[in-house]
N, C-alpha and C. Protein backbone atom coordinates (compact mmCIF):
# COMPACT_ATOMS: atom_id res chain seq x y z
N MET A 1 27.33 14.85 16.24
CA MET A 1 27.34 13.88 15.15
C MET A 1 27.33 14.66 13.85
N PRO A 2 28.12 14.21 12.83
CA PRO A 2 28.12 14.89 11.53
C PRO A 2 26.73 14.85 10.92
N ARG A 3 26.50 15.81 10.03
CA ARG A 3 25.18 16.01 9.43
C ARG A 3 24.70 14.76 8.71
N PHE A 4 25.56 14.17 7.86
CA PHE A 4 25.16 13.01 7.06
C PHE A 4 24.97 11.78 7.95
N MET A 5 25.76 11.66 8.96
CA MET A 5 25.62 10.54 9.87
C MET A 5 24.30 10.62 10.68
N GLY A 6 23.95 11.86 11.08
CA GLY A 6 22.70 12.05 11.83
C GLY A 6 21.48 11.76 10.98
N SER A 7 21.50 12.17 9.71
CA SER A 7 20.36 11.91 8.86
C SER A 7 20.25 10.40 8.52
N THR A 8 21.35 9.71 8.41
CA THR A 8 21.34 8.30 8.18
C THR A 8 20.86 7.55 9.38
N ALA A 9 21.30 7.94 10.57
CA ALA A 9 20.84 7.32 11.78
C ALA A 9 19.29 7.52 11.96
N THR A 10 18.82 8.71 11.63
CA THR A 10 17.40 9.01 11.72
C THR A 10 16.62 8.09 10.78
N THR A 11 17.12 7.93 9.55
CA THR A 11 16.45 7.11 8.53
C THR A 11 16.39 5.64 9.00
N VAL A 12 17.50 5.11 9.45
CA VAL A 12 17.58 3.74 9.91
C VAL A 12 16.63 3.57 11.18
N GLY A 13 16.69 4.51 12.07
CA GLY A 13 15.75 4.43 13.22
C GLY A 13 14.30 4.42 12.80
N GLY A 14 13.98 5.26 11.79
CA GLY A 14 12.61 5.30 11.29
C GLY A 14 12.17 4.01 10.69
N LEU A 15 13.09 3.36 9.93
CA LEU A 15 12.76 2.08 9.31
C LEU A 15 12.59 1.00 10.39
N ILE A 16 13.39 1.05 11.42
CA ILE A 16 13.22 0.05 12.53
C ILE A 16 11.88 0.25 13.23
N LEU A 17 11.53 1.52 13.47
CA LEU A 17 10.23 1.82 14.13
C LEU A 17 9.07 1.46 13.22
N GLY A 18 9.25 1.67 11.94
CA GLY A 18 8.20 1.30 10.96
C GLY A 18 7.99 -0.20 10.88
N GLN A 19 9.11 -0.95 10.94
CA GLN A 19 9.00 -2.41 10.94
C GLN A 19 8.27 -2.90 12.22
N ALA A 20 8.59 -2.26 13.37
CA ALA A 20 7.93 -2.65 14.60
C ALA A 20 6.40 -2.33 14.57
N ALA A 21 6.09 -1.16 13.94
CA ALA A 21 4.69 -0.77 13.85
C ALA A 21 3.94 -1.74 12.87
N GLN A 22 4.62 -2.17 11.85
CA GLN A 22 3.98 -3.12 10.93
C GLN A 22 3.77 -4.48 11.57
N GLN A 23 4.78 -4.95 12.36
CA GLN A 23 4.59 -6.22 12.99
C GLN A 23 3.52 -6.16 14.10
N ALA A 24 3.30 -4.98 14.69
CA ALA A 24 2.22 -4.78 15.63
C ALA A 24 0.90 -4.67 15.03
N GLY A 25 0.85 -4.56 13.69
CA GLY A 25 -0.43 -4.44 12.98
C GLY A 25 -0.98 -3.00 12.90
N LEU A 26 -0.19 -2.01 13.18
CA LEU A 26 -0.66 -0.65 13.16
C LEU A 26 -0.67 -0.04 11.76
N VAL A 27 0.23 -0.47 10.91
CA VAL A 27 0.29 0.02 9.53
C VAL A 27 0.52 -1.17 8.59
N SER A 28 0.27 -0.91 7.30
CA SER A 28 0.44 -2.01 6.33
C SER A 28 1.90 -2.03 5.82
N SER A 29 2.24 -3.19 5.19
CA SER A 29 3.58 -3.34 4.64
C SER A 29 3.78 -2.37 3.44
N ALA A 30 2.75 -2.11 2.63
CA ALA A 30 2.86 -1.22 1.52
C ALA A 30 3.22 0.22 1.96
N MET A 31 2.64 0.61 3.10
CA MET A 31 2.93 1.93 3.60
C MET A 31 4.36 2.06 4.06
N ILE A 32 4.89 1.02 4.63
CA ILE A 32 6.32 1.04 5.12
C ILE A 32 7.25 1.09 3.91
N ILE A 33 6.93 0.31 2.86
CA ILE A 33 7.77 0.26 1.67
C ILE A 33 7.73 1.61 0.98
N THR A 34 6.52 2.22 0.88
CA THR A 34 6.42 3.51 0.20
C THR A 34 7.20 4.60 0.98
N THR A 35 7.01 4.62 2.28
CA THR A 35 7.71 5.59 3.13
C THR A 35 9.22 5.41 3.04
N ALA A 36 9.72 4.17 3.08
CA ALA A 36 11.14 3.93 2.97
C ALA A 36 11.67 4.38 1.60
N ALA A 37 10.95 4.14 0.55
CA ALA A 37 11.40 4.53 -0.81
C ALA A 37 11.46 6.08 -0.91
N VAL A 38 10.48 6.76 -0.38
CA VAL A 38 10.49 8.22 -0.45
C VAL A 38 11.64 8.75 0.42
N THR A 39 11.81 8.18 1.57
CA THR A 39 12.89 8.68 2.45
C THR A 39 14.26 8.48 1.84
N ILE A 40 14.47 7.30 1.29
CA ILE A 40 15.77 7.04 0.64
C ILE A 40 15.95 7.89 -0.62
N SER A 41 14.88 8.13 -1.35
CA SER A 41 15.01 8.97 -2.58
C SER A 41 15.33 10.40 -2.28
N ASN A 42 15.04 10.87 -1.03
CA ASN A 42 15.33 12.22 -0.64
C ASN A 42 16.86 12.48 -0.60
N PHE A 43 17.63 11.41 -0.39
CA PHE A 43 19.10 11.56 -0.36
C PHE A 43 19.67 11.70 -1.78
N VAL A 44 18.93 11.42 -2.78
CA VAL A 44 19.42 11.47 -4.21
C VAL A 44 19.46 12.94 -4.69
N ILE A 45 18.67 13.80 -4.17
CA ILE A 45 18.58 15.19 -4.64
C ILE A 45 19.89 15.87 -4.25
N PRO A 46 20.64 16.33 -5.22
CA PRO A 46 21.98 16.89 -4.92
C PRO A 46 22.01 18.30 -4.39
N ILE A 47 21.04 19.13 -4.74
CA ILE A 47 21.05 20.54 -4.43
C ILE A 47 20.11 20.75 -3.22
N ASN A 48 20.61 21.41 -2.19
CA ASN A 48 19.83 21.68 -1.01
C ASN A 48 18.58 22.53 -1.30
N THR A 49 18.71 23.53 -2.18
CA THR A 49 17.60 24.41 -2.51
C THR A 49 16.49 23.59 -3.21
N MET A 50 16.92 22.60 -4.01
CA MET A 50 15.94 21.77 -4.69
C MET A 50 15.10 20.90 -3.72
N THR A 51 15.75 20.51 -2.63
CA THR A 51 14.98 19.73 -1.62
C THR A 51 13.84 20.58 -1.03
N PHE A 52 14.04 21.91 -0.88
CA PHE A 52 12.99 22.75 -0.39
C PHE A 52 11.88 22.82 -1.40
N ALA A 53 12.20 22.88 -2.65
CA ALA A 53 11.16 22.93 -3.74
C ALA A 53 10.38 21.62 -3.74
N VAL A 54 11.03 20.51 -3.60
CA VAL A 54 10.37 19.21 -3.56
C VAL A 54 9.44 19.13 -2.37
N ARG A 55 9.86 19.64 -1.21
CA ARG A 55 9.02 19.66 -0.03
C ARG A 55 7.79 20.56 -0.29
N ALA A 56 7.98 21.73 -0.92
CA ALA A 56 6.89 22.61 -1.17
C ALA A 56 5.83 21.97 -2.11
N VAL A 57 6.22 21.06 -2.94
CA VAL A 57 5.33 20.41 -3.82
C VAL A 57 4.71 19.18 -3.12
N ARG A 58 5.53 18.48 -2.33
CA ARG A 58 5.08 17.19 -1.75
C ARG A 58 4.02 17.41 -0.68
N TYR A 59 4.06 18.41 0.15
CA TYR A 59 3.10 18.54 1.22
C TYR A 59 1.68 18.84 0.68
N PRO A 60 1.50 19.70 -0.27
CA PRO A 60 0.14 19.86 -0.84
C PRO A 60 -0.34 18.58 -1.50
N LEU A 61 0.55 17.83 -2.16
CA LEU A 61 0.10 16.55 -2.76
C LEU A 61 -0.31 15.55 -1.70
N ILE A 62 0.43 15.55 -0.53
CA ILE A 62 0.06 14.67 0.55
C ILE A 62 -1.33 15.04 1.09
N LEU A 63 -1.56 16.35 1.27
CA LEU A 63 -2.83 16.83 1.72
C LEU A 63 -3.97 16.46 0.80
N LEU A 64 -3.75 16.65 -0.49
CA LEU A 64 -4.75 16.27 -1.46
C LEU A 64 -5.05 14.75 -1.45
N SER A 65 -3.98 13.96 -1.34
CA SER A 65 -4.16 12.51 -1.34
C SER A 65 -4.84 12.10 -0.05
N SER A 66 -4.59 12.69 1.05
CA SER A 66 -5.24 12.25 2.29
C SER A 66 -6.72 12.67 2.27
N LEU A 67 -7.07 13.80 1.59
CA LEU A 67 -8.46 14.22 1.56
C LEU A 67 -9.26 13.51 0.47
N PHE A 68 -8.64 13.29 -0.70
CA PHE A 68 -9.41 12.80 -1.86
C PHE A 68 -8.84 11.49 -2.48
N GLY A 69 -7.79 10.93 -1.85
CA GLY A 69 -7.27 9.65 -2.36
C GLY A 69 -6.55 9.84 -3.67
N LEU A 70 -6.66 8.77 -4.51
CA LEU A 70 -5.93 8.77 -5.79
C LEU A 70 -6.44 9.90 -6.66
N PHE A 71 -7.72 10.23 -6.60
CA PHE A 71 -8.23 11.31 -7.38
C PHE A 71 -7.56 12.64 -7.02
N GLY A 72 -7.28 12.87 -5.74
CA GLY A 72 -6.56 14.07 -5.30
C GLY A 72 -5.14 14.14 -5.85
N VAL A 73 -4.48 12.93 -5.86
CA VAL A 73 -3.11 12.89 -6.39
C VAL A 73 -3.10 13.28 -7.83
N VAL A 74 -4.04 12.67 -8.61
CA VAL A 74 -4.13 12.90 -10.05
C VAL A 74 -4.42 14.41 -10.33
N VAL A 75 -5.37 14.97 -9.61
CA VAL A 75 -5.71 16.37 -9.80
C VAL A 75 -4.53 17.26 -9.42
N GLY A 76 -3.86 16.93 -8.29
CA GLY A 76 -2.67 17.70 -7.88
C GLY A 76 -1.55 17.68 -8.93
N LEU A 77 -1.24 16.47 -9.45
CA LEU A 77 -0.20 16.36 -10.48
C LEU A 77 -0.59 17.06 -11.76
N PHE A 78 -1.87 16.99 -12.10
CA PHE A 78 -2.38 17.72 -13.27
C PHE A 78 -2.24 19.24 -13.10
N CYS A 79 -2.57 19.72 -11.92
CA CYS A 79 -2.39 21.17 -11.65
C CYS A 79 -0.92 21.58 -11.68
N LEU A 80 -0.05 20.73 -11.12
CA LEU A 80 1.37 20.99 -11.12
C LEU A 80 1.91 21.01 -12.53
N THR A 81 1.47 20.09 -13.41
CA THR A 81 1.90 20.03 -14.80
C THR A 81 1.40 21.25 -15.53
N CYS A 82 0.15 21.67 -15.30
CA CYS A 82 -0.33 22.89 -15.95
C CYS A 82 0.47 24.10 -15.55
N TYR A 83 0.86 24.19 -14.27
CA TYR A 83 1.67 25.31 -13.77
C TYR A 83 3.02 25.33 -14.50
N LEU A 84 3.67 24.13 -14.60
CA LEU A 84 4.99 24.03 -15.20
C LEU A 84 4.93 24.35 -16.71
N VAL A 85 3.85 23.94 -17.35
CA VAL A 85 3.76 24.23 -18.77
C VAL A 85 3.58 25.73 -19.01
N ARG A 86 2.90 26.47 -18.11
CA ARG A 86 2.68 27.88 -18.26
C ARG A 86 3.89 28.68 -17.84
N LEU A 87 4.80 28.11 -17.03
CA LEU A 87 5.94 28.83 -16.47
C LEU A 87 6.96 29.12 -17.61
N ARG A 88 7.54 30.31 -17.49
CA ARG A 88 8.58 30.68 -18.47
C ARG A 88 9.87 31.05 -17.72
N SER A 89 10.98 30.66 -18.31
CA SER A 89 12.30 30.95 -17.71
C SER A 89 13.16 31.62 -18.77
N PHE A 90 13.59 32.85 -18.50
CA PHE A 90 14.34 33.64 -19.46
C PHE A 90 13.65 33.77 -20.80
N GLY A 91 12.31 33.85 -20.79
CA GLY A 91 11.56 34.06 -22.00
C GLY A 91 11.26 32.79 -22.81
N HIS A 92 11.70 31.63 -22.28
CA HIS A 92 11.43 30.38 -22.94
C HIS A 92 10.56 29.48 -22.07
N PRO A 93 9.74 28.65 -22.69
CA PRO A 93 8.88 27.80 -21.86
C PRO A 93 9.73 26.87 -20.99
N TYR A 94 9.35 26.69 -19.72
CA TYR A 94 10.10 25.96 -18.74
C TYR A 94 10.27 24.47 -19.17
N LEU A 95 9.24 23.84 -19.76
CA LEU A 95 9.26 22.48 -20.16
C LEU A 95 9.67 22.31 -21.62
N LYS A 96 10.31 23.29 -22.23
CA LYS A 96 10.78 23.20 -23.60
C LYS A 96 11.72 22.07 -23.82
N LEU A 97 12.42 21.66 -22.83
CA LEU A 97 13.43 20.59 -22.89
C LEU A 97 12.70 19.31 -23.35
N PHE A 98 11.46 19.12 -22.97
CA PHE A 98 10.72 17.88 -23.29
C PHE A 98 9.94 17.96 -24.59
N VAL A 99 9.97 19.09 -25.29
CA VAL A 99 9.28 19.27 -26.56
C VAL A 99 10.27 19.44 -27.64
N SER A 100 10.15 18.60 -28.71
CA SER A 100 11.16 18.72 -29.79
C SER A 100 10.78 19.86 -30.73
N GLU A 101 11.78 20.43 -31.37
CA GLU A 101 11.54 21.43 -32.37
C GLU A 101 11.00 20.81 -33.62
N PRO A 102 10.11 21.61 -34.38
CA PRO A 102 9.61 21.09 -35.61
C PRO A 102 10.69 20.86 -36.62
N SER A 103 10.57 19.83 -37.39
CA SER A 103 11.60 19.50 -38.38
C SER A 103 11.59 20.44 -39.52
N LYS A 104 12.75 20.98 -39.91
CA LYS A 104 12.93 21.89 -40.98
C LYS A 104 13.14 21.15 -42.33
N SER A 105 13.39 19.89 -42.29
CA SER A 105 13.68 19.17 -43.55
C SER A 105 12.53 19.01 -44.47
N PHE A 106 11.33 19.10 -43.89
CA PHE A 106 10.11 18.95 -44.74
C PHE A 106 9.54 20.28 -45.17
N ASP A 107 10.21 21.34 -44.87
CA ASP A 107 9.75 22.67 -45.27
C ASP A 107 9.96 22.85 -46.77
N ASN A 108 8.94 23.41 -47.47
CA ASN A 108 8.98 23.58 -48.88
C ASN A 108 9.57 24.91 -49.35
N ARG A 109 10.34 25.58 -48.56
CA ARG A 109 10.89 26.88 -48.95
C ARG A 109 12.05 26.72 -49.82
C-alpha cells in the first residue's frame, strides 16, 4: 500500500476504534475529539524532519501533563518558550521574527 494511503487508513481505523471505545464508555468524547484533532494536524506539517522535532517536544509534554495535569502542560510550555527565547541561530535570536525592531523615527539624532 502506498505510504500516504497507509497512514490515512491507519487514521480512519483509529477514529473508528475510538468511536467504538467511546460508545462502550471506556473514554470520553473530549478525548476522542482531541486525539482526532492532533492526528489530523500531524498531516499538515510539510517537512518530515519537522515532524521528528514536533514528536520530540510532544512526548515530554504528554508525560508532564499525565503526571501533573494542566499545571504540567503550562510548566512544560513555559520551559519550551524559555529555551526558544535563549536559542540563537546564525548569531540572531531564534524568536526575533516575533519581536519588532525599535522605531528609528522618534530618535533625536
